[in-house]
Amino acid sequence: MEPLISLLIVVLLLVLPLKFAAKFIGAKNTGFFSCLFALIVSALFQFGVDHYFPGLDDTYGWIVTVPVAALAYMLVLGTTFLKAVLIAIVQVILMVLLTALVAGLLAGI
């Protein structure tokens, strides 16, 4: 039961920030499953980029990660590329805040 709860927490920590960011920025498709599919497509795109450009390091990897994620969000969520870039940035900020909140709750702070 614990692995299922852990998987549910991870999925919620990934999908909810994207869902809120997409709704805030004004994307057309902001449903839970649309956002989950957008994250899957984004992960597949990023896997492809890592496969074809294995030399990207952690210092400059975000320069490639944000546009690749934005391309996936643009295609799946039905928005423009600039709005998709904003969605990716807002999603990261919300994900960090939500993860800190959940970690604080689990740690008993």
N, C-alpha and C. Protein backbone atom coordinates (compact mmCIF):
# COMPACT_ATOMS: atom_id res chain seq x y z
N MET A 1 0.81 -1.19 0.00
CA MET A 1 0.00 0.00 0.00
C MET A 1 0.87 1.27 0.00
N GLU A 2 2.01 1.20 0.70
CA GLU A 2 2.89 2.36 0.77
C GLU A 2 3.46 2.76 -0.60
N PRO A 3 3.87 1.79 -1.45
CA PRO A 3 4.35 2.20 -2.78
C PRO A 3 3.27 2.89 -3.61
N LEU A 4 2.03 2.45 -3.46
CA LEU A 4 0.93 3.08 -4.19
C LEU A 4 0.71 4.51 -3.71
N ILE A 5 0.77 4.73 -2.42
CA ILE A 5 0.61 6.07 -1.88
C ILE A 5 1.77 6.96 -2.31
N SER A 6 2.98 6.41 -2.30
CA SER A 6 4.15 7.17 -2.74
C SER A 6 4.03 7.55 -4.21
N LEU A 7 3.57 6.62 -5.04
CA LEU A 7 3.38 6.91 -6.46
C LEU A 7 2.32 7.98 -6.66
N LEU A 8 1.25 7.91 -5.90
CA LEU A 8 0.19 8.92 -5.98
C LEU A 8 0.70 10.30 -5.59
N ILE A 9 1.51 10.37 -4.55
CA ILE A 9 2.09 11.65 -4.12
C ILE A 9 3.00 12.22 -5.19
N VAL A 10 3.83 11.37 -5.80
CA VAL A 10 4.74 11.83 -6.85
C VAL A 10 3.96 12.34 -8.06
N VAL A 11 2.93 11.60 -8.46
CA VAL A 11 2.12 12.03 -9.61
C VAL A 11 1.44 13.36 -9.31
N LEU A 12 0.90 13.50 -8.11
CA LEU A 12 0.25 14.76 -7.76
C LEU A 12 1.24 15.91 -7.69
N LEU A 13 2.45 15.65 -7.19
CA LEU A 13 3.48 16.70 -7.12
C LEU A 13 3.94 17.13 -8.51
N LEU A 14 3.79 16.26 -9.50
CA LEU A 14 4.18 16.61 -10.86
C LEU A 14 3.04 17.23 -11.65
N VAL A 15 1.84 16.68 -11.52
CA VAL A 15 0.72 17.11 -12.36
C VAL A 15 0.05 18.38 -11.84
N LEU A 16 -0.16 18.49 -10.54
CA LEU A 16 -0.89 19.65 -10.02
C LEU A 16 -0.22 20.99 -10.33
N PRO A 17 1.11 21.12 -10.15
CA PRO A 17 1.72 22.40 -10.53
C PRO A 17 1.55 22.74 -12.01
N LEU A 18 1.63 21.73 -12.88
CA LEU A 18 1.43 21.97 -14.30
C LEU A 18 -0.01 22.37 -14.58
N LYS A 19 -0.95 21.73 -13.91
CA LYS A 19 -2.37 22.04 -14.09
C LYS A 19 -2.66 23.48 -13.64
N PHE A 20 -2.15 23.87 -12.49
CA PHE A 20 -2.37 25.23 -12.00
C PHE A 20 -1.69 26.26 -12.90
N ALA A 21 -0.47 25.97 -13.33
CA ALA A 21 0.26 26.90 -14.20
C ALA A 21 -0.45 27.05 -15.54
N ALA A 22 -0.92 25.95 -16.11
CA ALA A 22 -1.61 26.00 -17.40
C ALA A 22 -2.91 26.80 -17.29
N LYS A 23 -3.63 26.61 -16.20
CA LYS A 23 -4.88 27.35 -16.01
C LYS A 23 -4.58 28.83 -15.79
N PHE A 24 -3.52 29.13 -15.03
CA PHE A 24 -3.14 30.51 -14.73
C PHE A 24 -2.71 31.26 -15.98
N ILE A 25 -1.94 30.60 -16.84
CA ILE A 25 -1.43 31.24 -18.06
C ILE A 25 -2.49 31.30 -19.15
N GLY A 26 -3.43 30.36 -19.14
CA GLY A 26 -4.52 30.42 -20.11
C GLY A 26 -4.43 29.40 -21.23
N ALA A 27 -3.99 28.19 -20.92
CA ALA A 27 -3.96 27.14 -21.93
C ALA A 27 -5.38 26.60 -22.16
N LYS A 28 -5.59 26.00 -23.33
CA LYS A 28 -6.91 25.47 -23.67
C LYS A 28 -7.23 24.18 -22.94
N ASN A 29 -6.28 23.27 -22.89
CA ASN A 29 -6.50 21.96 -22.26
C ASN A 29 -5.83 21.94 -20.89
N THR A 30 -6.61 22.04 -19.83
CA THR A 30 -6.04 22.08 -18.49
C THR A 30 -6.55 20.95 -17.60
N GLY A 31 -7.08 19.91 -18.19
CA GLY A 31 -7.55 18.78 -17.41
C GLY A 31 -6.40 17.97 -16.82
N PHE A 32 -6.71 17.15 -15.83
CA PHE A 32 -5.70 16.35 -15.15
C PHE A 32 -4.98 15.42 -16.12
N PHE A 33 -5.75 14.70 -16.94
CA PHE A 33 -5.14 13.74 -17.85
C PHE A 33 -4.41 14.42 -19.01
N SER A 34 -4.87 15.59 -19.41
CA SER A 34 -4.13 16.36 -20.42
C SER A 34 -2.77 16.78 -19.88
N CYS A 35 -2.75 17.23 -18.64
CA CYS A 35 -1.48 17.64 -18.02
C CYS A 35 -0.57 16.43 -17.78
N LEU A 36 -1.14 15.30 -17.39
CA LEU A 36 -0.35 14.08 -17.22
C LEU A 36 0.25 13.65 -18.55
N PHE A 37 -0.54 13.70 -19.61
CA PHE A 37 -0.04 13.35 -20.95
C PHE A 37 1.03 14.34 -21.40
N ALA A 38 0.85 15.63 -21.09
CA ALA A 38 1.86 16.63 -21.44
C ALA A 38 3.18 16.35 -20.73
N LEU A 39 3.12 15.92 -19.48
CA LEU A 39 4.34 15.57 -18.76
C LEU A 39 5.01 14.34 -19.36
N ILE A 40 4.22 13.36 -19.78
CA ILE A 40 4.78 12.16 -20.40
C ILE A 40 5.45 12.51 -21.72
N VAL A 41 4.78 13.33 -22.54
CA VAL A 41 5.35 13.75 -23.82
C VAL A 41 6.62 14.57 -23.59
N SER A 42 6.60 15.43 -22.59
CA SER A 42 7.77 16.23 -22.27
C SER A 42 8.94 15.34 -21.85
N ALA A 43 8.66 14.33 -21.04
CA ALA A 43 9.72 13.41 -20.62
C ALA A 43 10.28 12.63 -21.80
N LEU A 44 9.41 12.23 -22.73
CA LEU A 44 9.87 11.52 -23.92
C LEU A 44 10.74 12.43 -24.80
N PHE A 45 10.32 13.68 -24.97
CA PHE A 45 11.11 14.64 -25.74
C PHE A 45 12.48 14.84 -25.09
N GLN A 46 12.49 15.00 -23.77
CA GLN A 46 13.75 15.23 -23.07
C GLN A 46 14.64 14.01 -23.12
N PHE A 47 14.05 12.81 -23.09
CA PHE A 47 14.84 11.59 -23.25
C PHE A 47 15.50 11.57 -24.62
N GLY A 48 14.75 11.97 -25.64
CA GLY A 48 15.31 12.03 -26.99
C GLY A 48 16.45 13.03 -27.10
N VAL A 49 16.29 14.19 -26.48
CA VAL A 49 17.35 15.20 -26.49
C VAL A 49 18.59 14.66 -25.77
N ASP A 50 18.38 14.01 -24.61
CA ASP A 50 19.52 13.44 -23.89
C ASP A 50 20.20 12.34 -24.68
N HIS A 51 19.41 11.61 -25.46
CA HIS A 51 19.98 10.53 -26.26
C HIS A 51 20.84 11.08 -27.41
N TYR A 52 20.36 12.14 -28.06
CA TYR A 52 21.09 12.69 -29.20
C TYR A 52 22.19 13.67 -28.80
N PHE A 53 22.07 14.27 -27.62
CA PHE A 53 23.08 15.21 -27.13
C PHE A 53 23.52 14.78 -25.72
N PRO A 54 24.29 13.72 -25.61
CA PRO A 54 24.64 13.20 -24.28
C PRO A 54 25.61 14.09 -23.51
N GLY A 55 26.21 15.06 -24.15
CA GLY A 55 27.22 15.88 -23.50
C GLY A 55 26.66 17.05 -22.71
N LEU A 56 25.34 17.22 -22.68
CA LEU A 56 24.79 18.35 -21.93
C LEU A 56 25.02 18.13 -20.43
N ASP A 57 25.55 19.14 -19.79
CA ASP A 57 25.80 19.01 -18.36
C ASP A 57 24.70 19.69 -17.57
N ASP A 58 24.79 19.61 -16.26
CA ASP A 58 23.77 20.19 -15.40
C ASP A 58 23.78 21.71 -15.42
N THR A 59 24.90 22.31 -15.77
CA THR A 59 24.99 23.76 -15.78
C THR A 59 24.12 24.38 -16.86
N TYR A 60 24.19 23.84 -18.06
CA TYR A 60 23.45 24.41 -19.18
C TYR A 60 22.30 23.54 -19.65
N GLY A 61 22.00 22.50 -18.94
CA GLY A 61 20.92 21.62 -19.33
C GLY A 61 19.55 22.28 -19.30
N TRP A 62 19.36 23.24 -18.40
CA TRP A 62 18.07 23.92 -18.30
C TRP A 62 17.78 24.77 -19.52
N ILE A 63 18.84 25.20 -20.23
CA ILE A 63 18.64 25.99 -21.45
C ILE A 63 17.95 25.15 -22.51
N VAL A 64 18.19 23.86 -22.51
CA VAL A 64 17.55 22.96 -23.44
C VAL A 64 16.25 22.41 -22.86
N THR A 65 16.21 22.17 -21.56
CA THR A 65 15.06 21.55 -20.92
C THR A 65 13.80 22.41 -21.02
N VAL A 66 13.92 23.70 -20.77
CA VAL A 66 12.74 24.58 -20.79
C VAL A 66 12.11 24.64 -22.18
N PRO A 67 12.85 24.88 -23.26
CA PRO A 67 12.20 24.90 -24.57
C PRO A 67 11.63 23.54 -25.00
N VAL A 68 12.30 22.45 -24.62
CA VAL A 68 11.78 21.12 -24.97
C VAL A 68 10.48 20.85 -24.23
N ALA A 69 10.44 21.17 -22.93
CA ALA A 69 9.21 21.02 -22.16
C ALA A 69 8.13 21.94 -22.71
N ALA A 70 8.51 23.15 -23.09
CA ALA A 70 7.53 24.10 -23.64
C ALA A 70 6.97 23.60 -24.96
N LEU A 71 7.78 22.97 -25.77
CA LEU A 71 7.29 22.41 -27.03
C LEU A 71 6.23 21.33 -26.76
N ALA A 72 6.50 20.47 -25.79
CA ALA A 72 5.52 19.44 -25.44
C ALA A 72 4.25 20.06 -24.88
N TYR A 73 4.39 21.05 -24.03
CA TYR A 73 3.21 21.71 -23.44
C TYR A 73 2.41 22.43 -24.52
N MET A 74 3.12 23.05 -25.47
CA MET A 74 2.45 23.75 -26.56
C MET A 74 1.59 22.78 -27.38
N LEU A 75 2.15 21.62 -27.69
CA LEU A 75 1.44 20.65 -28.52
C LEU A 75 0.26 20.02 -27.78
N VAL A 76 0.43 19.68 -26.52
CA VAL A 76 -0.61 18.95 -25.80
C VAL A 76 -1.64 19.88 -25.16
N LEU A 77 -1.18 20.98 -24.58
CA LEU A 77 -2.09 21.85 -23.84
C LEU A 77 -2.77 22.89 -24.72
N GLY A 78 -2.36 23.01 -25.96
CA GLY A 78 -3.02 23.92 -26.88
C GLY A 78 -2.77 25.38 -26.57
N THR A 79 -1.53 25.78 -26.61
CA THR A 79 -1.18 27.16 -26.32
C THR A 79 -0.03 27.59 -27.24
N THR A 80 0.37 28.83 -27.14
CA THR A 80 1.49 29.31 -27.94
C THR A 80 2.81 28.91 -27.27
N PHE A 81 3.90 29.04 -28.03
CA PHE A 81 5.19 28.65 -27.47
C PHE A 81 5.61 29.55 -26.32
N LEU A 82 5.38 30.85 -26.44
CA LEU A 82 5.75 31.78 -25.38
C LEU A 82 4.96 31.49 -24.10
N LYS A 83 3.67 31.23 -24.24
CA LYS A 83 2.87 30.87 -23.07
C LYS A 83 3.34 29.54 -22.49
N ALA A 84 3.75 28.61 -23.35
CA ALA A 84 4.24 27.32 -22.88
C ALA A 84 5.54 27.48 -22.09
N VAL A 85 6.40 28.40 -22.52
CA VAL A 85 7.62 28.67 -21.76
C VAL A 85 7.26 29.23 -20.39
N LEU A 86 6.30 30.14 -20.33
CA LEU A 86 5.85 30.68 -19.04
C LEU A 86 5.24 29.59 -18.18
N ILE A 87 4.48 28.68 -18.78
CA ILE A 87 3.91 27.57 -18.04
C ILE A 87 5.02 26.71 -17.44
N ALA A 88 6.06 26.43 -18.22
CA ALA A 88 7.18 25.62 -17.72
C ALA A 88 7.87 26.30 -16.54
N ILE A 89 8.06 27.60 -16.62
CA ILE A 89 8.74 28.33 -15.54
C ILE A 89 7.86 28.36 -14.29
N VAL A 90 6.58 28.69 -14.45
CA VAL A 90 5.67 28.74 -13.30
C VAL A 90 5.51 27.35 -12.70
N GLN A 91 5.49 26.32 -13.54
CA GLN A 91 5.36 24.95 -13.05
C GLN A 91 6.53 24.59 -12.15
N VAL A 92 7.74 24.94 -12.54
CA VAL A 92 8.91 24.62 -11.73
C VAL A 92 8.83 25.34 -10.38
N ILE A 93 8.45 26.60 -10.38
CA ILE A 93 8.33 27.36 -9.13
C ILE A 93 7.29 26.73 -8.21
N LEU A 94 6.12 26.41 -8.78
CA LEU A 94 5.07 25.79 -7.97
C LEU A 94 5.47 24.40 -7.48
N MET A 95 6.18 23.65 -8.31
CA MET A 95 6.59 22.31 -7.91
C MET A 95 7.58 22.36 -6.75
N VAL A 96 8.50 23.30 -6.78
CA VAL A 96 9.46 23.44 -5.69
C VAL A 96 8.73 23.83 -4.40
N LEU A 97 7.80 24.78 -4.49
CA LEU A 97 7.06 25.20 -3.30
C LEU A 97 6.19 24.08 -2.75
N LEU A 98 5.50 23.36 -3.63
CA LEU A 98 4.64 22.27 -3.19
C LEU A 98 5.45 21.11 -2.60
N THR A 99 6.59 20.82 -3.19
CA THR A 99 7.45 19.76 -2.66
C THR A 99 7.98 20.14 -1.28
N ALA A 100 8.36 21.39 -1.09
CA ALA A 100 8.82 21.85 0.22
C ALA A 100 7.69 21.76 1.25
N LEU A 101 6.48 22.10 0.83
CA LEU A 101 5.34 22.01 1.74
C LEU A 101 5.07 20.58 2.14
N VAL A 102 5.05 19.66 1.18
CA VAL A 102 4.79 18.25 1.49
C VAL A 102 5.93 17.67 2.34
N ALA A 103 7.17 18.03 2.02
CA ALA A 103 8.31 17.54 2.82
C ALA A 103 8.21 18.06 4.25
N GLY A 104 7.81 19.31 4.42
CA GLY A 104 7.62 19.85 5.75
C GLY A 104 6.51 19.16 6.52
N LEU A 105 5.43 18.84 5.82
CA LEU A 105 4.33 18.13 6.47
C LEU A 105 4.73 16.71 6.86
N LEU A 106 5.46 16.04 5.98
CA LEU A 106 5.90 14.67 6.28
C LEU A 106 6.96 14.64 7.37
N ALA A 107 7.75 15.70 7.47
CA ALA A 107 8.77 15.75 8.51
C ALA A 107 8.20 16.20 9.85
N GLY A 108 6.98 16.70 9.84
CA GLY A 108 6.33 17.11 11.08
C GLY A 108 6.69 18.52 11.52
N ILE A 109 7.10 19.35 10.57
CA ILE A 109 7.47 20.73 10.92
C ILE A 109 6.21 21.57 11.01
